Amino acid sequence: MNQGKYIAHPFVAPDESYLMWDAEKDGESTPDIYISFRQQDGSWGEAINMGDTINTPLYEQRPKVTPDGKYLFFWKGDVKTRDDGSRYVVGSPYWVDAKIIETLRPKE
């Protein structure tokens, strides 16, 4: 999980069965959202990219699931570059049905 040049904004499920975060991996210019599921032995499983339903060439970050577990909210934006070379992001919140989480859970 701790790989890349930018790792931030963790969200842990209330039952601690999964962990989501955003990460910008080495060689990439925008972060994607990842998920890891708690294993039977209590360890965390492999980091899973949440796929193209969530991640795009844009800038995705800050995953959060609503308290009722129905919706996954995240922030999506486009990276802009100023004349001085510094970057900034223009974007807004998005949401999807949280059922996507279960489609990514490894089968036991």
Protein backbone atom coordinates (compact mmCIF):
# COMPACT_ATOMS: atom_id res chain seq x y z
CA MET A 1 0.00 0.00 0.00
CA ASN A 2 2.80 2.40 0.80
CA GLN A 3 4.09 2.69 -2.73
CA GLY A 4 4.19 5.81 -4.83
CA LYS A 5 5.04 9.45 -4.48
CA TYR A 6 1.67 10.57 -3.07
CA ILE A 7 -0.53 8.51 -0.72
CA ALA A 8 -3.35 10.24 1.16
CA HIS A 9 -6.93 10.47 2.40
CA PRO A 10 -7.55 7.03 3.91
CA PHE A 11 -11.09 5.86 4.63
CA VAL A 12 -11.67 2.82 6.82
CA ALA A 13 -15.04 1.06 6.73
CA PRO A 14 -16.94 1.27 10.03
CA ASP A 15 -16.61 -2.52 10.40
CA GLU A 16 -12.91 -2.29 9.39
CA SER A 17 -13.45 -4.78 6.54
CA TYR A 18 -11.85 -2.52 3.93
CA LEU A 19 -9.61 0.51 3.56
CA MET A 20 -9.68 2.99 0.65
CA TRP A 21 -7.19 5.74 -0.19
CA ASP A 22 -5.82 7.69 -3.12
CA ALA A 23 -2.30 7.34 -4.44
CA GLU A 24 -0.23 8.83 -7.22
CA LYS A 25 2.18 6.11 -8.23
CA ASP A 26 5.69 6.72 -9.50
CA GLY A 27 5.60 7.59 -13.20
CA GLU A 28 2.00 8.83 -13.09
CA SER A 29 0.79 12.41 -12.88
CA THR A 30 -2.61 11.99 -11.19
CA PRO A 31 -3.81 9.85 -8.28
CA ASP A 32 -6.27 6.96 -8.48
CA ILE A 33 -8.39 5.45 -5.73
CA TYR A 34 -7.41 2.04 -4.32
CA ILE A 35 -9.03 -0.42 -1.94
CA SER A 36 -7.69 -3.19 0.27
CA PHE A 37 -9.77 -5.78 2.10
CA ARG A 38 -9.09 -7.17 5.57
CA GLN A 39 -7.97 -10.80 5.37
CA GLN A 40 -9.16 -13.59 7.67
CA ASP A 41 -5.84 -13.43 9.55
CA GLY A 42 -6.35 -9.70 10.22
CA SER A 43 -3.78 -8.47 7.68
CA TRP A 44 -4.62 -6.22 4.76
CA GLY A 45 -4.89 -7.71 1.28
CA GLU A 46 -3.32 -6.47 -1.90
CA ALA A 47 -4.03 -2.92 -3.08
CA ILE A 48 -6.70 -3.03 -5.81
CA ASN A 49 -7.13 -0.16 -8.25
CA MET A 50 -10.88 0.60 -8.20
CA GLY A 51 -11.04 0.48 -12.00
CA ASP A 52 -12.46 2.70 -14.70
CA THR A 53 -15.84 3.17 -13.02
CA ILE A 54 -13.99 5.33 -10.49
CA ASN A 55 -10.57 6.07 -11.95
CA THR A 56 -9.98 7.97 -15.18
CA PRO A 57 -7.11 10.01 -16.60
CA LEU A 58 -8.40 12.78 -14.31
CA TYR A 59 -7.48 13.36 -10.67
CA GLU A 60 -9.49 11.15 -8.24
CA GLN A 61 -9.12 11.37 -4.49
CA ARG A 62 -10.78 11.47 -1.04
CA PRO A 63 -13.02 8.36 -1.08
CA LYS A 64 -15.73 8.24 1.59
CA VAL A 65 -18.73 5.96 2.04
CA THR A 66 -21.95 7.35 3.48
CA PRO A 67 -22.86 6.18 7.00
CA ASP A 68 -25.69 4.02 5.61
CA GLY A 69 -23.18 2.27 3.30
CA LYS A 70 -25.14 3.05 0.13
CA TYR A 71 -22.95 5.58 -1.68
CA LEU A 72 -19.27 6.09 -2.37
CA PHE A 73 -18.34 9.74 -2.72
CA PHE A 74 -15.02 10.94 -4.11
CA TRP A 75 -13.52 14.02 -5.66
CA LYS A 76 -12.61 14.16 -9.37
CA GLY A 77 -10.75 16.96 -11.09
CA ASP A 78 -8.54 18.02 -13.95
CA VAL A 79 -4.95 19.08 -13.35
CA LYS A 80 -4.02 22.48 -14.74
CA THR A 81 -0.53 23.98 -14.97
CA ARG A 82 0.23 27.61 -14.28
CA ASP A 83 2.78 29.63 -16.27
CA ASP A 84 5.29 29.11 -13.44
CA GLY A 85 4.95 25.30 -13.77
CA SER A 86 2.99 24.77 -10.55
CA ARG A 87 -0.08 22.55 -10.69
CA TYR A 88 -3.60 23.05 -9.40
CA VAL A 89 -6.80 21.02 -9.74
CA VAL A 90 -10.27 22.09 -10.85
CA GLY A 91 -12.98 19.61 -9.98
CA SER A 92 -16.01 18.57 -7.97
CA PRO A 93 -17.48 15.71 -5.95
CA TYR A 94 -18.87 12.58 -7.62
CA TRP A 95 -20.77 9.61 -6.26
CA VAL A 96 -21.54 6.04 -7.26
CA ASP A 97 -23.46 3.16 -5.72
CA ALA A 98 -21.26 1.64 -3.01
CA LYS A 99 -22.06 -1.82 -4.39
CA ILE A 100 -18.92 -1.38 -6.49
CA ILE A 101 -16.96 -2.22 -3.34
CA GLU A 102 -18.39 -5.73 -3.21
CA THR A 103 -17.61 -6.32 -6.89
CA LEU A 104 -13.92 -5.80 -6.03
CA ARG A 105 -13.87 -7.99 -2.91
CA PRO A 106 -11.82 -11.13 -3.62
CA LYS A 107 -13.77 -14.37 -3.57
CA GLU A 108 -12.77 -16.65 -0.71
